[in-house]
């Protein structure tokens, strides 16, 4: 009984931790061109600009503006969010640190 009480929450937590990574957005309509985005000065030393991107809201593309962010670790490199054309549609690749 105690193993069951411990194991089930651990399995549930593991599934919840991995599920956002498996979620993918696939859209048949290509994204519009990104608008010109003016960068404001960085808020301080060590900030990196993460450019804006077109997000699909289920009905249409919505522009998400860029932002200045602090890297999670030294020498981290930002890979910008982008759309990849695949088999008659578009697949969203979320921005991430490398």
PDB file of N, CA and C in Angstrom:
ATOM      1  N   UNK A   1       0.804  -1.195   0.000  1.00  0.00           N
ATOM      2  CA  UNK A   1       0.000   0.000   0.000  1.00  0.00           C
ATOM      3  C   UNK A   1       0.854   1.269   0.000  1.00  0.00           C
ATOM      4  N   UNK A   2       1.916   1.329   0.801  1.00  0.00           N
ATOM      5  CA  UNK A   2       2.754   2.527   0.834  1.00  0.00           C
ATOM      6  C   UNK A   2       3.550   2.694  -0.454  1.00  0.00           C
ATOM      7  N   UNK A   3       3.955   1.586  -1.078  1.00  0.00           N
ATOM      8  CA  UNK A   3       4.663   1.688  -2.353  1.00  0.00           C
ATOM      9  C   UNK A   3       3.742   2.311  -3.393  1.00  0.00           C
ATOM     10  N   UNK A   4       2.501   1.898  -3.391  1.00  0.00           N
ATOM     11  CA  UNK A   4       1.526   2.429  -4.333  1.00  0.00           C
ATOM     12  C   UNK A   4       1.307   3.927  -4.125  1.00  0.00           C
ATOM     13  N   UNK A   5       1.219   4.352  -2.871  1.00  0.00           N
ATOM     14  CA  UNK A   5       1.017   5.775  -2.568  1.00  0.00           C
ATOM     15  C   UNK A   5       2.215   6.620  -2.989  1.00  0.00           C
ATOM     16  N   UNK A   6       3.389   6.045  -2.958  1.00  0.00           N
ATOM     17  CA  UNK A   6       4.596   6.761  -3.340  1.00  0.00           C
ATOM     18  C   UNK A   6       4.816   6.710  -4.844  1.00  0.00           C
ATOM     19  N   UNK A   7       4.593   5.574  -5.456  1.00  0.00           N
ATOM     20  CA  UNK A   7       4.888   5.369  -6.861  1.00  0.00           C
ATOM     21  C   UNK A   7       3.957   6.156  -7.789  1.00  0.00           C
ATOM     22  N   UNK A   8       2.688   6.178  -7.517  1.00  0.00           N
ATOM     23  CA  UNK A   8       1.727   6.860  -8.391  1.00  0.00           C
ATOM     24  C   UNK A   8       2.021   8.358  -8.497  1.00  0.00           C
ATOM     25  N   UNK A   9       2.223   9.079  -7.386  1.00  0.00           N
ATOM     26  CA  UNK A   9       2.566  10.502  -7.539  1.00  0.00           C
ATOM     27  C   UNK A   9       3.884  10.724  -8.281  1.00  0.00           C
ATOM     28  N   UNK A  10       4.871   9.847  -8.099  1.00  0.00           N
ATOM     29  CA  UNK A  10       6.136   9.992  -8.813  1.00  0.00           C
ATOM     30  C   UNK A  10       5.959   9.789 -10.317  1.00  0.00           C
ATOM     31  N   UNK A  11       5.165   8.817 -10.700  1.00  0.00           N
ATOM     32  CA  UNK A  11       4.891   8.588 -12.121  1.00  0.00           C
ATOM     33  C   UNK A  11       4.144   9.779 -12.700  1.00  0.00           C
ATOM     34  N   UNK A  12       3.155  10.283 -11.995  1.00  0.00           N
ATOM     35  CA  UNK A  12       2.390  11.437 -12.459  1.00  0.00           C
ATOM     36  C   UNK A  12       3.294  12.654 -12.627  1.00  0.00           C
ATOM     37  N   UNK A  13       4.174  12.889 -11.670  1.00  0.00           N
ATOM     38  CA  UNK A  13       5.101  14.028 -11.740  1.00  0.00           C
ATOM     39  C   UNK A  13       6.045  13.876 -12.933  1.00  0.00           C
ATOM     40  N   UNK A  14       6.503  12.667 -13.193  1.00  0.00           N
ATOM     41  CA  UNK A  14       7.376  12.429 -14.338  1.00  0.00           C
ATOM     42  C   UNK A  14       6.690  12.692 -15.658  1.00  0.00           C
ATOM     43  N   UNK A  15       5.447  12.253 -15.782  1.00  0.00           N
ATOM     44  CA  UNK A  15       4.682  12.494 -17.005  1.00  0.00           C
ATOM     45  C   UNK A  15       4.447  13.986 -17.194  1.00  0.00           C
ATOM     46  N   UNK A  16       4.123  14.697 -16.145  1.00  0.00           N
ATOM     47  CA  UNK A  16       3.884  16.139 -16.241  1.00  0.00           C
ATOM     48  C   UNK A  16       5.163  16.894 -16.601  1.00  0.00           C
ATOM     49  N   UNK A  17       6.301  16.423 -16.131  1.00  0.00           N
ATOM     50  CA  UNK A  17       7.570  17.095 -16.429  1.00  0.00           C
ATOM     51  C   UNK A  17       7.970  16.919 -17.886  1.00  0.00           C
ATOM     52  N   UNK A  18       7.649  15.785 -18.492  1.00  0.00           N
ATOM     53  CA  UNK A  18       8.050  15.495 -19.862  1.00  0.00           C
ATOM     54  C   UNK A  18       7.021  15.981 -20.879  1.00  0.00           C
ATOM     55  N   UNK A  19       5.753  16.050 -20.531  1.00  0.00           N
ATOM     56  CA  UNK A  19       4.703  16.362 -21.499  1.00  0.00           C
ATOM     57  C   UNK A  19       4.871  17.700 -22.207  1.00  0.00           C
ATOM     58  N   UNK A  20       5.317  18.799 -21.563  1.00  0.00           N
ATOM     59  CA  UNK A  20       5.500  20.030 -22.326  1.00  0.00           C
ATOM     60  C   UNK A  20       6.556  19.888 -23.411  1.00  0.00           C
ATOM     61  N   UNK A  21       7.551  19.044 -23.214  1.00  0.00           N
ATOM     62  CA  UNK A  21       8.585  18.858 -24.219  1.00  0.00           C
ATOM     63  C   UNK A  21       8.042  18.143 -25.441  1.00  0.00           C
ATOM     64  N   UNK A  22       7.045  17.294 -25.245  1.00  0.00           N
ATOM     65  CA  UNK A  22       6.485  16.530 -26.352  1.00  0.00           C
ATOM     66  C   UNK A  22       5.453  17.331 -27.141  1.00  0.00           C
ATOM     67  N   UNK A  23       4.934  18.409 -26.574  1.00  0.00           N
ATOM     68  CA  UNK A  23       3.913  19.199 -27.245  1.00  0.00           C
ATOM     69  C   UNK A  23       4.523  19.929 -28.437  1.00  0.00           C
ATOM     70  N   UNK A  24       3.898  19.794 -29.603  1.00  0.00           N
ATOM     71  CA  UNK A  24       4.360  20.476 -30.798  1.00  0.00           C
ATOM     72  C   UNK A  24       3.193  21.188 -31.441  1.00  0.00           C
ATOM     73  N   UNK A  25       3.496  22.309 -32.081  1.00  0.00           N
ATOM     74  CA  UNK A  25       2.471  23.062 -32.794  1.00  0.00           C
ATOM     75  C   UNK A  25       2.719  22.880 -34.282  1.00  0.00           C
ATOM     76  N   UNK A  26       1.712  22.402 -34.998  1.00  0.00           N
ATOM     77  CA  UNK A  26       1.781  22.192 -36.441  1.00  0.00           C
ATOM     78  C   UNK A  26       0.636  22.970 -37.071  1.00  0.00           C
ATOM     79  N   UNK A  27       0.971  23.858 -38.013  1.00  0.00           N
ATOM     80  CA  UNK A  27      -0.015  24.743 -38.632  1.00  0.00           C
ATOM     81  C   UNK A  27       0.099  24.616 -40.145  1.00  0.00           C
ATOM     82  N   UNK A  28      -1.026  24.596 -40.835  1.00  0.00           N
ATOM     83  CA  UNK A  28      -1.007  24.476 -42.293  1.00  0.00           C
ATOM     84  C   UNK A  28      -0.703  25.810 -42.987  1.00  0.00           C
ATOM     85  N   UNK A  29      -0.954  26.924 -42.315  1.00  0.00           N
ATOM     86  CA  UNK A  29      -0.739  28.254 -42.890  1.00  0.00           C
ATOM     87  C   UNK A  29       0.612  28.780 -42.415  1.00  0.00           C
ATOM     88  N   UNK A  30       1.444  29.229 -43.350  1.00  0.00           N
ATOM     89  CA  UNK A  30       2.758  29.752 -42.991  1.00  0.00           C
ATOM     90  C   UNK A  30       2.678  31.046 -42.194  1.00  0.00           C
ATOM     91  N   UNK A  31       3.676  31.307 -41.362  1.00  0.00           N
ATOM     92  CA  UNK A  31       3.679  32.528 -40.550  1.00  0.00           C
ATOM     93  C   UNK A  31       3.943  33.765 -41.402  1.00  0.00           C
ATOM     94  N   UNK A  32       3.377  34.906 -41.011  1.00  0.00           N
ATOM     95  CA  UNK A  32       3.675  36.152 -41.735  1.00  0.00           C
ATOM     96  C   UNK A  32       5.099  36.606 -41.426  1.00  0.00           C
ATOM     97  N   UNK A  33       5.590  37.547 -42.216  1.00  0.00           N
ATOM     98  CA  UNK A  33       6.918  38.093 -41.963  1.00  0.00           C
ATOM     99  C   UNK A  33       6.918  38.798 -40.613  1.00  0.00           C
ATOM    100  N   UNK A  34       8.022  38.695 -39.905  1.00  0.00           N
ATOM    101  CA  UNK A  34       8.085  39.394 -38.613  1.00  0.00           C
ATOM    102  C   UNK A  34       8.147  40.903 -38.836  1.00  0.00           C
ATOM    103  N   UNK A  35       7.502  41.669 -37.977  1.00  0.00           N
ATOM    104  CA  UNK A  35       7.586  43.127 -38.112  1.00  0.00           C
ATOM    105  C   UNK A  35       8.969  43.613 -37.676  1.00  0.00           C
ATOM    106  N   UNK A  36       9.300  44.841 -38.070  1.00  0.00           N
ATOM    107  CA  UNK A  36      10.556  45.428 -37.601  1.00  0.00           C
ATOM    108  C   UNK A  36      10.449  45.582 -36.090  1.00  0.00           C
ATOM    109  N   UNK A  37      11.471  45.163 -35.400  1.00  0.00           N
ATOM    110  CA  UNK A  37      11.440  45.207 -33.940  1.00  0.00           C
ATOM    111  C   UNK A  37      12.597  46.077 -33.445  1.00  0.00           C
ATOM    112  N   UNK A  38      12.259  47.167 -32.803  1.00  0.00           N
ATOM    113  CA  UNK A  38      13.279  48.067 -32.273  1.00  0.00           C
ATOM    114  C   UNK A  38      13.681  47.618 -30.875  1.00  0.00           C
ATOM    115  N   UNK A  39      14.971  47.423 -30.699  1.00  0.00           N
ATOM    116  CA  UNK A  39      15.482  47.025 -29.382  1.00  0.00           C
ATOM    117  C   UNK A  39      15.650  48.257 -28.509  1.00  0.00           C
ATOM    118  N   UNK A  40      15.146  48.168 -27.321  1.00  0.00           N
ATOM    119  CA  UNK A  40      15.411  49.213 -26.338  1.00  0.00           C
ATOM    120  C   UNK A  40      16.762  48.884 -25.707  1.00  0.00           C
ATOM    121  N   UNK A  41      17.418  49.838 -25.081  1.00  0.00           N
ATOM    122  CA  UNK A  41      18.709  49.533 -24.456  1.00  0.00           C
ATOM    123  C   UNK A  41      18.552  48.437 -23.394  1.00  0.00           C
ATOM    124  N   UNK A  42      19.589  47.611 -23.207  1.00  0.00           N
ATOM    125  CA  UNK A  42      19.502  46.551 -22.197  1.00  0.00           C
ATOM    126  C   UNK A  42      19.381  47.138 -20.797  1.00  0.00           C
ATOM    127  N   UNK A  43      18.709  46.431 -19.906  1.00  0.00           N
ATOM    128  CA  UNK A  43      18.514  46.937 -18.544  1.00  0.00           C
ATOM    129  C   UNK A  43      19.784  46.893 -17.700  1.00  0.00           C
ATOM    130  N   UNK A  44      20.811  46.199 -18.185  1.00  0.00           N
ATOM    131  CA  UNK A  44      22.062  46.113 -17.433  1.00  0.00           C
ATOM    132  C   UNK A  44      23.055  45.225 -18.142  1.00  0.00           C
ATOM    133  N   UNK A  45      24.207  45.062 -17.536  1.00  0.00           N
ATOM    134  CA  UNK A  45      25.247  44.207 -18.116  1.00  0.00           C
ATOM    135  C   UNK A  45      24.842  42.738 -18.046  1.00  0.00           C
ATOM    136  N   UNK A  46      25.258  41.975 -19.045  1.00  0.00           N
ATOM    137  CA  UNK A  46      25.021  40.540 -19.034  1.00  0.00           C
ATOM    138  C   UNK A  46      23.692  40.099 -19.615  1.00  0.00           C
ATOM    139  N   UNK A  47      22.878  41.050 -20.089  1.00  0.00           N
ATOM    140  CA  UNK A  47      21.587  40.673 -20.682  1.00  0.00           C
ATOM    141  C   UNK A  47      21.769  40.339 -22.154  1.00  0.00           C
ATOM    142  N   UNK A  48      20.941  39.403 -22.648  1.00  0.00           N
ATOM    143  CA  UNK A  48      20.962  38.986 -24.044  1.00  0.00           C
ATOM    144  C   UNK A  48      19.582  39.240 -24.651  1.00  0.00           C
ATOM    145  N   UNK A  49      19.562  39.758 -25.876  1.00  0.00           N
ATOM    146  CA  UNK A  49      18.301  40.017 -26.576  1.00  0.00           C
ATOM    147  C   UNK A  49      17.747  38.711 -27.149  1.00  0.00           C
ATOM    148  N   UNK A  50      16.501  38.406 -26.811  1.00  0.00           N
ATOM    149  CA  UNK A  50      15.796  37.263 -27.396  1.00  0.00           C
ATOM    150  C   UNK A  50      14.742  37.840 -28.331  1.00  0.00           C
ATOM    151  N   UNK A  51      14.908  37.652 -29.645  1.00  0.00           N
ATOM    152  CA  UNK A  51      13.995  38.292 -30.605  1.00  0.00           C
ATOM    153  C   UNK A  51      12.575  37.769 -30.518  1.00  0.00           C
ATOM    154  N   UNK A  52      11.651  38.590 -30.993  1.00  0.00           N
ATOM    155  CA  UNK A  52      10.241  38.212 -31.006  1.00  0.00           C
ATOM    156  C   UNK A  52       9.962  37.125 -32.035  1.00  0.00           C
ATOM    157  N   UNK A  53       8.748  36.600 -31.992  1.00  0.00           N
ATOM    158  CA  UNK A  53       8.371  35.514 -32.896  1.00  0.00           C
ATOM    159  C   UNK A  53       6.858  35.504 -33.082  1.00  0.00           C
ATOM    160  N   UNK A  54       6.421  34.815 -34.137  1.00  0.00           N
ATOM    161  CA  UNK A  54       4.998  34.646 -34.401  1.00  0.00           C
ATOM    162  C   UNK A  54       4.519  33.393 -33.666  1.00  0.00           C
ATOM    163  N   UNK A  55       3.523  33.558 -32.811  1.00  0.00           N
ATOM    164  CA  UNK A  55       2.938  32.444 -32.056  1.00  0.00           C
ATOM    165  C   UNK A  55       1.563  32.137 -32.637  1.00  0.00           C
ATOM    166  N   UNK A  56       1.220  30.869 -32.743  1.00  0.00           N
ATOM    167  CA  UNK A  56      -0.106  30.451 -33.224  1.00  0.00           C
ATOM    168  C   UNK A  56      -1.028  30.315 -32.024  1.00  0.00           C
ATOM    169  N   UNK A  57      -2.182  31.012 -32.028  1.00  0.00           N
ATOM    170  CA  UNK A  57      -3.105  30.948 -30.891  1.00  0.00           C
ATOM    171  C   UNK A  57      -4.268  29.984 -31.123  1.00  0.00           C
ATOM    172  N   UNK A  58      -4.202  29.206 -32.188  1.00  0.00           N
ATOM    173  CA  UNK A  58      -5.277  28.265 -32.508  1.00  0.00           C
ATOM    174  C   UNK A  58      -6.142  28.751 -33.642  1.00  0.00           C
ATOM    175  N   UNK A  59      -6.095  30.055 -33.926  1.00  0.00           N
ATOM    176  CA  UNK A  59      -6.884  30.635 -35.017  1.00  0.00           C
ATOM    177  C   UNK A  59      -6.051  31.524 -35.932  1.00  0.00           C
ATOM    178  N   UNK A  60      -5.040  32.163 -35.363  1.00  0.00           N
ATOM    179  CA  UNK A  60      -4.231  33.115 -36.126  1.00  0.00           C
ATOM    180  C   UNK A  60      -2.870  33.286 -35.462  1.00  0.00           C
ATOM    181  N   UNK A  61      -1.953  33.882 -36.203  1.00  0.00           N
ATOM    182  CA  UNK A  61      -0.642  34.189 -35.642  1.00  0.00           C
ATOM    183  C   UNK A  61      -0.720  35.462 -34.811  1.00  0.00           C
ATOM    184  N   UNK A  62       0.020  35.467 -33.705  1.00  0.00           N
ATOM    185  CA  UNK A  62       0.070  36.610 -32.806  1.00  0.00           C
ATOM    186  C   UNK A  62       1.549  36.930 -32.575  1.00  0.00           C
ATOM    187  N   UNK A  63       1.926  38.189 -32.723  1.00  0.00           N
ATOM    188  CA  UNK A  63       3.321  38.572 -32.534  1.00  0.00           C
ATOM    189  C   UNK A  63       3.657  38.639 -31.045  1.00  0.00           C
ATOM    190  N   UNK A  64       4.738  37.951 -30.672  1.00  0.00           N
ATOM    191  CA  UNK A  64       5.250  37.990 -29.308  1.00  0.00           C
ATOM    192  C   UNK A  64       6.543  38.798 -29.354  1.00  0.00           C
ATOM    193  N   UNK A  65       6.577  39.959 -28.714  1.00  0.00           N
ATOM    194  CA  UNK A  65       7.756  40.831 -28.821  1.00  0.00           C
ATOM    195  C   UNK A  65       8.986  40.242 -28.136  1.00  0.00           C
ATOM    196  N   UNK A  66      10.150  40.676 -28.602  1.00  0.00           N
ATOM    197  CA  UNK A  66      11.412  40.245 -28.023  1.00  0.00           C
ATOM    198  C   UNK A  66      11.611  40.858 -26.644  1.00  0.00           C
ATOM    199  N   UNK A  67      12.637  40.372 -25.951  1.00  0.00           N
ATOM    200  CA  UNK A  67      12.901  40.863 -24.594  1.00  0.00           C
ATOM    201  C   UNK A  67      14.372  40.666 -24.251  1.00  0.00           C
ATOM    202  N   UNK A  68      14.849  41.463 -23.323  1.00  0.00           N
ATOM    203  CA  UNK A  68      16.182  41.285 -22.767  1.00  0.00           C
ATOM    204  C   UNK A  68      16.076  40.315 -21.602  1.00  0.00           C
ATOM    205  N   UNK A  69      16.920  39.293 -21.588  1.00  0.00           N
ATOM    206  CA  UNK A  69      16.896  38.297 -20.505  1.00  0.00           C
ATOM    207  C   UNK A  69      18.322  37.985 -20.071  1.00  0.00           C
ATOM    208  N   UNK A  70      18.444  37.477 -18.866  1.00  0.00           N
ATOM    209  CA  UNK A  70      19.752  37.040 -18.363  1.00  0.00           C
ATOM    210  C   UNK A  70      19.911  35.563 -18.662  1.00  0.00           C
ATOM    211  N   UNK A  71      21.050  35.161 -19.192  1.00  0.00           N
ATOM    212  CA  UNK A  71      21.274  33.739 -19.468  1.00  0.00           C
ATOM    213  C   UNK A  71      21.263  32.920 -18.184  1.00  0.00           C
ATOM    214  N   UNK A  72      20.857  31.653 -18.274  1.00  0.00           N
ATOM    215  CA  UNK A  72      20.787  30.813 -17.077  1.00  0.00           C
ATOM    216  C   UNK A  72      22.159  30.377 -16.560  1.00  0.00           C
ATOM    217  N   UNK A  73      23.185  30.475 -17.431  1.00  0.00           N
ATOM    218  CA  UNK A  73      24.541  30.071 -17.040  1.00  0.00           C
ATOM    219  C   UNK A  73      25.544  30.817 -17.922  1.00  0.00           C
ATOM    220  N   UNK A  74      26.791  30.898 -17.503  1.00  0.00           N
ATOM    221  CA  UNK A  74      27.815  31.562 -18.326  1.00  0.00           C
ATOM    222  C   UNK A  74      27.968  30.879 -19.686  1.00  0.00           C
ATOM    223  N   UNK A  75      28.178  31.657 -20.705  1.00  0.00           N
ATOM    224  CA  UNK A  75      28.423  31.190 -22.082  1.00  0.00           C
ATOM    225  C   UNK A  75      27.212  30.507 -22.716  1.00  0.00           C
ATOM    226  N   UNK A  76      26.025  30.668 -22.145  1.00  0.00           N
ATOM    227  CA  UNK A  76      24.813  30.100 -22.751  1.00  0.00           C
ATOM    228  C   UNK A  76      24.494  30.881 -24.027  1.00  0.00           C
ATOM    229  N   UNK A  77      23.972  30.196 -25.013  1.00  0.00           N
ATOM    230  CA  UNK A  77      23.652  30.788 -26.310  1.00  0.00           C
ATOM    231  C   UNK A  77      22.149  30.626 -26.565  1.00  0.00           C
ATOM    232  N   UNK A  78      21.469  31.712 -26.940  1.00  0.00           N
ATOM    233  CA  UNK A  78      20.034  31.666 -27.202  1.00  0.00           C
ATOM    234  C   UNK A  78      19.770  31.237 -28.637  1.00  0.00           C
ATOM    235  N   UNK A  79      18.937  30.216 -28.809  1.00  0.00           N
ATOM    236  CA  UNK A  79      18.475  29.774 -30.119  1.00  0.00           C
ATOM    237  C   UNK A  79      17.055  30.305 -30.256  1.00  0.00           C
ATOM    238  N   UNK A  80      16.852  31.218 -31.197  1.00  0.00           N
ATOM    239  CA  UNK A  80      15.559  31.904 -31.345  1.00  0.00           C
ATOM    240  C   UNK A  80      14.451  30.951 -31.785  1.00  0.00           C
ATOM    241  N   UNK A  81      13.238  31.242 -31.337  1.00  0.00           N
ATOM    242  CA  UNK A  81      12.054  30.498 -31.772  1.00  0.00           C
ATOM    243  C   UNK A  81      11.882  30.709 -33.274  1.00  0.00           C
ATOM    244  N   UNK A  82      11.441  29.660 -33.969  1.00  0.00           N
ATOM    245  CA  UNK A  82      11.247  29.784 -35.409  1.00  0.00           C
ATOM    246  C   UNK A  82      10.290  28.696 -35.921  1.00  0.00           C
ATOM    247  N   UNK A  83       9.828  28.894 -37.131  1.00  0.00           N
ATOM    248  CA  UNK A  83       8.933  27.946 -37.792  1.00  0.00           C
ATOM    249  C   UNK A  83       9.704  27.209 -38.881  1.00  0.00           C
ATOM    250  N   UNK A  84       9.468  25.888 -38.998  1.00  0.00           N
ATOM    251  CA  UNK A  84      10.124  25.048 -39.994  1.00  0.00           C
ATOM    252  C   UNK A  84       9.051  24.457 -40.900  1.00  0.00           C
ATOM    253  N   UNK A  85       9.254  24.580 -42.214  1.00  0.00           N
ATOM    254  CA  UNK A  85       8.291  24.028 -43.166  1.00  0.00           C
ATOM    255  C   UNK A  85       8.486  22.519 -43.273  1.00  0.00           C
ATOM    256  N   UNK A  86       7.421  21.767 -43.018  1.00  0.00           N
ATOM    257  CA  UNK A  86       7.462  20.301 -43.065  1.00  0.00           C
ATOM    258  C   UNK A  86       6.170  19.751 -43.652  1.00  0.00           C
ATOM    259  N   UNK A  87       6.267  18.933 -44.673  1.00  0.00           N
ATOM    260  CA  UNK A  87       5.150  18.163 -45.231  1.00  0.00           C
ATOM    261  C   UNK A  87       3.831  18.926 -45.338  1.00  0.00           C
ATOM    262  N   UNK A  88       3.833  20.005 -46.053  1.00  0.00           N
ATOM    263  CA  UNK A  88       2.611  20.751 -46.288  1.00  0.00           C
ATOM    264  C   UNK A  88       2.140  21.606 -45.130  1.00  0.00           C
ATOM    265  N   UNK A  89       2.986  21.816 -44.141  1.00  0.00           N
ATOM    266  CA  UNK A  89       2.606  22.649 -43.003  1.00  0.00           C
ATOM    267  C   UNK A  89       3.835  23.244 -42.335  1.00  0.00           C
ATOM    268  N   UNK A  90       3.614  23.844 -41.187  1.00  0.00           N
ATOM    269  CA  UNK A  90       4.673  24.531 -40.461  1.00  0.00           C
ATOM    270  C   UNK A  90       4.739  24.015 -39.035  1.00  0.00           C
ATOM    271  N   UNK A  91       5.941  23.697 -38.576  1.00  0.00           N
ATOM    272  CA  UNK A  91       6.183  23.184 -37.237  1.00  0.00           C
ATOM    273  C   UNK A  91       6.912  24.252 -36.430  1.00  0.00           C
ATOM    274  N   UNK A  92       6.419  24.542 -35.222  1.00  0.00           N
ATOM    275  CA  UNK A  92       7.025  25.566 -34.377  1.00  0.00           C
ATOM    276  C   UNK A  92       8.143  24.959 -33.531  1.00  0.00           C
ATOM    277  N   UNK A  93       9.300  25.621 -33.538  1.00  0.00           N
ATOM    278  CA  UNK A  93      10.437  25.237 -32.706  1.00  0.00           C
ATOM    279  C   UNK A  93      10.612  26.353 -31.685  1.00  0.00           C
ATOM    280  N   UNK A  94      10.354  26.029 -30.443  1.00  0.00           N
ATOM    281  CA  UNK A  94      10.404  27.032 -29.373  1.00  0.00           C
ATOM    282  C   UNK A  94      11.833  27.481 -29.123  1.00  0.00           C
ATOM    283  N   UNK A  95      11.989  28.768 -28.744  1.00  0.00           N
ATOM    284  CA  UNK A  95      13.299  29.285 -28.401  1.00  0.00           C
ATOM    285  C   UNK A  95      13.835  28.591 -27.151  1.00  0.00           C
ATOM    286  N   UNK A  96      15.156  28.409 -27.107  1.00  0.00           N
ATOM    287  CA  UNK A  96      15.748  27.693 -25.969  1.00  0.00           C
ATOM    288  C   UNK A  96      17.221  28.080 -25.823  1.00  0.00           C
ATOM    289  N   UNK A  97      17.745  27.784 -24.657  1.00  0.00           N
ATOM    290  CA  UNK A  97      19.164  28.025 -24.372  1.00  0.00           C
ATOM    291  C   UNK A  97      19.975  26.806 -24.750  1.00  0.00           C
ATOM    292  N   UNK A  98      21.136  27.061 -25.339  1.00  0.00           N
ATOM    293  CA  UNK A  98      22.040  25.982 -25.684  1.00  0.00           C
ATOM    294  C   UNK A  98      23.343  26.218 -24.952  1.00  0.00           C
TER     295      UNK A  98
END
